[in-house]
Amino acid sequence: MAIERTFSMIKPDATARNLTGAITQMLEEAGLRVVASRRVWMSQRQAEAFYAVHKERPFFGELTEFMSSGPTVVQVLEGENAIAKNREVMGATNPADAAEGTIRKRFANSIGENSVHGSDAPETAAEEIAFWFAGCDVVG
């Protein structure tokens, strides 16, 4: 098994409900280690840049408006197969389809307000980590 790093974000719907600790605890209990973390309130411009891959999708405006509506917690997680493990702990994007015991099943309000974001591939993880953290910010 490979030790890798991935990006994780606790979204505004979850931070507004003070779920940062509960979500982080679920990630840690799954064997992931937080090696960088900070609370940010992204601007509309930052949200548009971070989610640029979705620029042509019909939900882009709603997504970026939501993501800039309140604080988020951005994190770098480390562990064996961290990308797959994080996605497993998060659960399906649509909380109705998420497995019992996952973050989205427990905490998501809707498919749009689904409490967390996580990288889907090593390349995406590297890009998303670099968007929010300088190399010296990530300590393991």
C-alpha atoms as a PDB file:
ATOM      1  CA  MET A   1       0.000   0.000   0.000  1.00  0.00           C
ATOM      2  CA  ALA A   2       1.182   3.484  -0.861  1.00  0.00           C
ATOM      3  CA  ILE A   3       1.306   6.419   1.526  1.00  0.00           C
ATOM      4  CA  GLU A   4      -0.129   9.408  -0.315  1.00  0.00           C
ATOM      5  CA  ARG A   5      -1.613  12.821   0.298  1.00  0.00           C
ATOM      6  CA  THR A   6      -4.984  14.150  -0.713  1.00  0.00           C
ATOM      7  CA  PHE A   7      -6.949  17.350  -0.412  1.00  0.00           C
ATOM      8  CA  SER A   8     -10.074  17.618   1.709  1.00  0.00           C
ATOM      9  CA  MET A   9     -12.438  20.529   2.266  1.00  0.00           C
ATOM     10  CA  ILE A  10     -15.168  20.937   4.843  1.00  0.00           C
ATOM     11  CA  LYS A  11     -17.768  23.094   3.102  1.00  0.00           C
ATOM     12  CA  PRO A  12     -19.751  26.120   4.366  1.00  0.00           C
ATOM     13  CA  ASP A  13     -22.884  24.108   5.196  1.00  0.00           C
ATOM     14  CA  ALA A  14     -20.867  21.957   7.608  1.00  0.00           C
ATOM     15  CA  THR A  15     -18.796  24.738   9.165  1.00  0.00           C
ATOM     16  CA  ALA A  16     -21.999  26.725   9.771  1.00  0.00           C
ATOM     17  CA  ARG A  17     -23.293  23.783  11.812  1.00  0.00           C
ATOM     18  CA  ASN A  18     -20.004  23.463  13.734  1.00  0.00           C
ATOM     19  CA  LEU A  19     -19.221  20.013  12.280  1.00  0.00           C
ATOM     20  CA  THR A  20     -15.501  20.567  11.644  1.00  0.00           C
ATOM     21  CA  GLY A  21     -14.411  18.473  14.607  1.00  0.00           C
ATOM     22  CA  ALA A  22     -16.884  15.645  13.969  1.00  0.00           C
ATOM     23  CA  ILE A  23     -15.879  15.390  10.304  1.00  0.00           C
ATOM     24  CA  THR A  24     -12.165  15.545  11.070  1.00  0.00           C
ATOM     25  CA  GLN A  25     -12.644  12.859  13.717  1.00  0.00           C
ATOM     26  CA  MET A  26     -14.266  10.556  11.132  1.00  0.00           C
ATOM     27  CA  LEU A  27     -11.327  11.105   8.778  1.00  0.00           C
ATOM     28  CA  GLU A  28      -8.786  10.410  11.513  1.00  0.00           C
ATOM     29  CA  GLU A  29     -10.641   7.327  12.729  1.00  0.00           C
ATOM     30  CA  ALA A  30     -10.432   5.998   9.153  1.00  0.00           C
ATOM     31  CA  GLY A  31      -6.633   6.163   9.388  1.00  0.00           C
ATOM     32  CA  LEU A  32      -6.056   9.513   7.688  1.00  0.00           C
ATOM     33  CA  ARG A  33      -3.726  12.034   9.294  1.00  0.00           C
ATOM     34  CA  VAL A  34      -4.240  15.805   8.980  1.00  0.00           C
ATOM     35  CA  VAL A  35      -0.853  17.239   7.913  1.00  0.00           C
ATOM     36  CA  ALA A  36      -2.123  20.735   7.044  1.00  0.00           C
ATOM     37  CA  SER A  37      -5.322  22.578   7.923  1.00  0.00           C
ATOM     38  CA  ARG A  38      -6.693  26.079   7.914  1.00  0.00           C
ATOM     39  CA  ARG A  39     -10.028  27.863   7.934  1.00  0.00           C
ATOM     40  CA  VAL A  40     -10.652  30.169   4.982  1.00  0.00           C
ATOM     41  CA  TRP A  41     -13.519  32.213   3.644  1.00  0.00           C
ATOM     42  CA  MET A  42     -12.925  32.088  -0.077  1.00  0.00           C
ATOM     43  CA  SER A  43     -13.891  34.939  -2.321  1.00  0.00           C
ATOM     44  CA  GLN A  44     -16.128  34.441  -5.342  1.00  0.00           C
ATOM     45  CA  ARG A  45     -13.002  34.772  -7.507  1.00  0.00           C
ATOM     46  CA  GLN A  46     -11.181  32.061  -5.521  1.00  0.00           C
ATOM     47  CA  ALA A  47     -14.202  29.771  -5.748  1.00  0.00           C
ATOM     48  CA  GLU A  48     -14.362  30.295  -9.515  1.00  0.00           C
ATOM     49  CA  ALA A  49     -10.643  29.547  -9.858  1.00  0.00           C
ATOM     50  CA  PHE A  50     -10.757  26.488  -7.603  1.00  0.00           C
ATOM     51  CA  TYR A  51     -13.764  25.002  -9.420  1.00  0.00           C
ATOM     52  CA  ALA A  52     -12.716  26.167 -12.917  1.00  0.00           C
ATOM     53  CA  VAL A  53     -12.922  22.577 -14.166  1.00  0.00           C
ATOM     54  CA  HIS A  54     -16.718  22.914 -13.837  1.00  0.00           C
ATOM     55  CA  LYS A  55     -16.945  26.328 -15.539  1.00  0.00           C
ATOM     56  CA  GLU A  56     -19.102  25.085 -18.439  1.00  0.00           C
ATOM     57  CA  ARG A  57     -21.473  23.065 -16.242  1.00  0.00           C
ATOM     58  CA  PRO A  58     -24.920  24.474 -15.454  1.00  0.00           C
ATOM     59  CA  PHE A  59     -24.350  24.354 -11.684  1.00  0.00           C
ATOM     60  CA  PHE A  60     -21.101  26.407 -11.744  1.00  0.00           C
ATOM     61  CA  GLY A  61     -22.667  29.708 -10.623  1.00  0.00           C
ATOM     62  CA  GLU A  62     -24.635  28.097  -7.822  1.00  0.00           C
ATOM     63  CA  LEU A  63     -21.561  26.113  -6.718  1.00  0.00           C
ATOM     64  CA  THR A  64     -19.224  29.098  -6.570  1.00  0.00           C
ATOM     65  CA  GLU A  65     -21.826  31.262  -4.845  1.00  0.00           C
ATOM     66  CA  PHE A  66     -22.343  28.585  -2.204  1.00  0.00           C
ATOM     67  CA  MET A  67     -18.623  27.967  -1.707  1.00  0.00           C
ATOM     68  CA  SER A  68     -18.016  31.672  -1.116  1.00  0.00           C
ATOM     69  CA  SER A  69     -21.005  32.019   1.235  1.00  0.00           C
ATOM     70  CA  GLY A  70     -19.151  31.116   4.423  1.00  0.00           C
ATOM     71  CA  PRO A  71     -15.980  29.652   5.891  1.00  0.00           C
ATOM     72  CA  THR A  72     -14.493  26.361   4.775  1.00  0.00           C
ATOM     73  CA  VAL A  73     -11.756  24.247   6.297  1.00  0.00           C
ATOM     74  CA  VAL A  74      -9.112  23.174   3.792  1.00  0.00           C
ATOM     75  CA  GLN A  75      -6.938  20.221   4.748  1.00  0.00           C
ATOM     76  CA  VAL A  76      -4.220  17.938   3.485  1.00  0.00           C
ATOM     77  CA  LEU A  77      -4.714  14.349   4.554  1.00  0.00           C
ATOM     78  CA  GLU A  78      -2.027  11.671   4.534  1.00  0.00           C
ATOM     79  CA  GLY A  79      -2.281   7.911   4.757  1.00  0.00           C
ATOM     80  CA  GLU A  80      -2.281   4.638   2.911  1.00  0.00           C
ATOM     81  CA  ASN A  81      -4.270   5.120  -0.295  1.00  0.00           C
ATOM     82  CA  ALA A  82      -5.474   8.449   1.110  1.00  0.00           C
ATOM     83  CA  ILE A  83      -7.400   9.498  -2.002  1.00  0.00           C
ATOM     84  CA  ALA A  84      -9.540   6.366  -2.131  1.00  0.00           C
ATOM     85  CA  LYS A  85      -9.910   6.235   1.659  1.00  0.00           C
ATOM     86  CA  ASN A  86     -11.069   9.869   1.850  1.00  0.00           C
ATOM     87  CA  ARG A  87     -13.609   9.300  -0.918  1.00  0.00           C
ATOM     88  CA  GLU A  88     -14.878   6.182   0.854  1.00  0.00           C
ATOM     89  CA  VAL A  89     -15.323   8.065   4.139  1.00  0.00           C
ATOM     90  CA  MET A  90     -17.022  10.999   2.358  1.00  0.00           C
ATOM     91  CA  GLY A  91     -19.611   8.807   0.621  1.00  0.00           C
ATOM     92  CA  ALA A  92     -21.473   9.402  -2.633  1.00  0.00           C
ATOM     93  CA  THR A  93     -21.976  12.996  -3.795  1.00  0.00           C
ATOM     94  CA  ASN A  94     -25.723  12.595  -3.448  1.00  0.00           C
ATOM     95  CA  PRO A  95     -26.353  11.901   0.242  1.00  0.00           C
ATOM     96  CA  ALA A  96     -29.389   9.795  -0.690  1.00  0.00           C
ATOM     97  CA  ASP A  97     -26.977   7.386  -2.403  1.00  0.00           C
ATOM     98  CA  ALA A  98     -24.275   7.545   0.277  1.00  0.00           C
ATOM     99  CA  ALA A  99     -23.538   4.490   2.402  1.00  0.00           C
ATOM    100  CA  GLU A 100     -24.527   4.464   6.050  1.00  0.00           C
ATOM    101  CA  GLY A 101     -21.829   5.851   8.329  1.00  0.00           C
ATOM    102  CA  THR A 102     -20.276   8.130   5.699  1.00  0.00           C
ATOM    103  CA  ILE A 103     -19.839  11.868   6.177  1.00  0.00           C
ATOM    104  CA  ARG A 104     -22.391  12.767   3.532  1.00  0.00           C
ATOM    105  CA  LYS A 105     -24.986  10.297   4.820  1.00  0.00           C
ATOM    106  CA  ARG A 106     -24.624  11.693   8.336  1.00  0.00           C
ATOM    107  CA  PHE A 107     -24.208  15.403   7.667  1.00  0.00           C
ATOM    108  CA  ALA A 108     -25.116  16.533   4.122  1.00  0.00           C
ATOM    109  CA  ASN A 109     -28.152  18.760   3.645  1.00  0.00           C
ATOM    110  CA  SER A 110     -28.519  18.029  -0.078  1.00  0.00           C
ATOM    111  CA  ILE A 111     -26.572  17.083  -3.194  1.00  0.00           C
ATOM    112  CA  GLY A 112     -25.337  20.692  -3.413  1.00  0.00           C
ATOM    113  CA  GLU A 113     -24.732  21.227   0.301  1.00  0.00           C
ATOM    114  CA  ASN A 114     -22.968  17.917   0.828  1.00  0.00           C
ATOM    115  CA  SER A 115     -20.568  19.013   3.594  1.00  0.00           C
ATOM    116  CA  VAL A 116     -17.234  17.909   2.082  1.00  0.00           C
ATOM    117  CA  HIS A 117     -15.064  17.893  -1.019  1.00  0.00           C
ATOM    118  CA  GLY A 118     -12.166  15.570  -1.743  1.00  0.00           C
ATOM    119  CA  SER A 119      -9.691  15.045  -4.563  1.00  0.00           C
ATOM    120  CA  ASP A 120     -10.498  12.283  -7.040  1.00  0.00           C
ATOM    121  CA  ALA A 121      -7.002  11.478  -8.394  1.00  0.00           C
ATOM    122  CA  PRO A 122      -3.313  12.065  -7.587  1.00  0.00           C
ATOM    123  CA  GLU A 123      -3.047  14.872 -10.163  1.00  0.00           C
ATOM    124  CA  THR A 124      -6.130  16.616  -8.808  1.00  0.00           C
ATOM    125  CA  ALA A 125      -4.872  16.224  -5.238  1.00  0.00           C
ATOM    126  CA  ALA A 126      -1.546  17.861  -6.140  1.00  0.00           C
ATOM    127  CA  GLU A 127      -3.306  20.781  -7.873  1.00  0.00           C
ATOM    128  CA  GLU A 128      -5.830  21.325  -5.096  1.00  0.00           C
ATOM    129  CA  ILE A 129      -3.201  21.136  -2.347  1.00  0.00           C
ATOM    130  CA  ALA A 130      -1.012  23.642  -4.197  1.00  0.00           C
ATOM    131  CA  PHE A 131      -4.009  25.988  -4.626  1.00  0.00           C
ATOM    132  CA  TRP A 132      -4.394  26.409  -0.853  1.00  0.00           C
ATOM    133  CA  PHE A 133      -1.023  25.532   0.678  1.00  0.00           C
ATOM    134  CA  ALA A 134       2.656  26.349   0.135  1.00  0.00           C
ATOM    135  CA  GLY A 135       4.972  23.375   0.449  1.00  0.00           C
ATOM    136  CA  CYS A 136       6.223  24.518   3.863  1.00  0.00           C
ATOM    137  CA  ASP A 137       2.620  24.565   5.173  1.00  0.00           C
ATOM    138  CA  VAL A 138       2.314  20.792   4.855  1.00  0.00           C
ATOM    139  CA  VAL A 139       4.070  19.047   7.695  1.00  0.00           C
ATOM    140  CA  GLY A 140       3.866  15.379   8.443  1.00  0.00           C
END
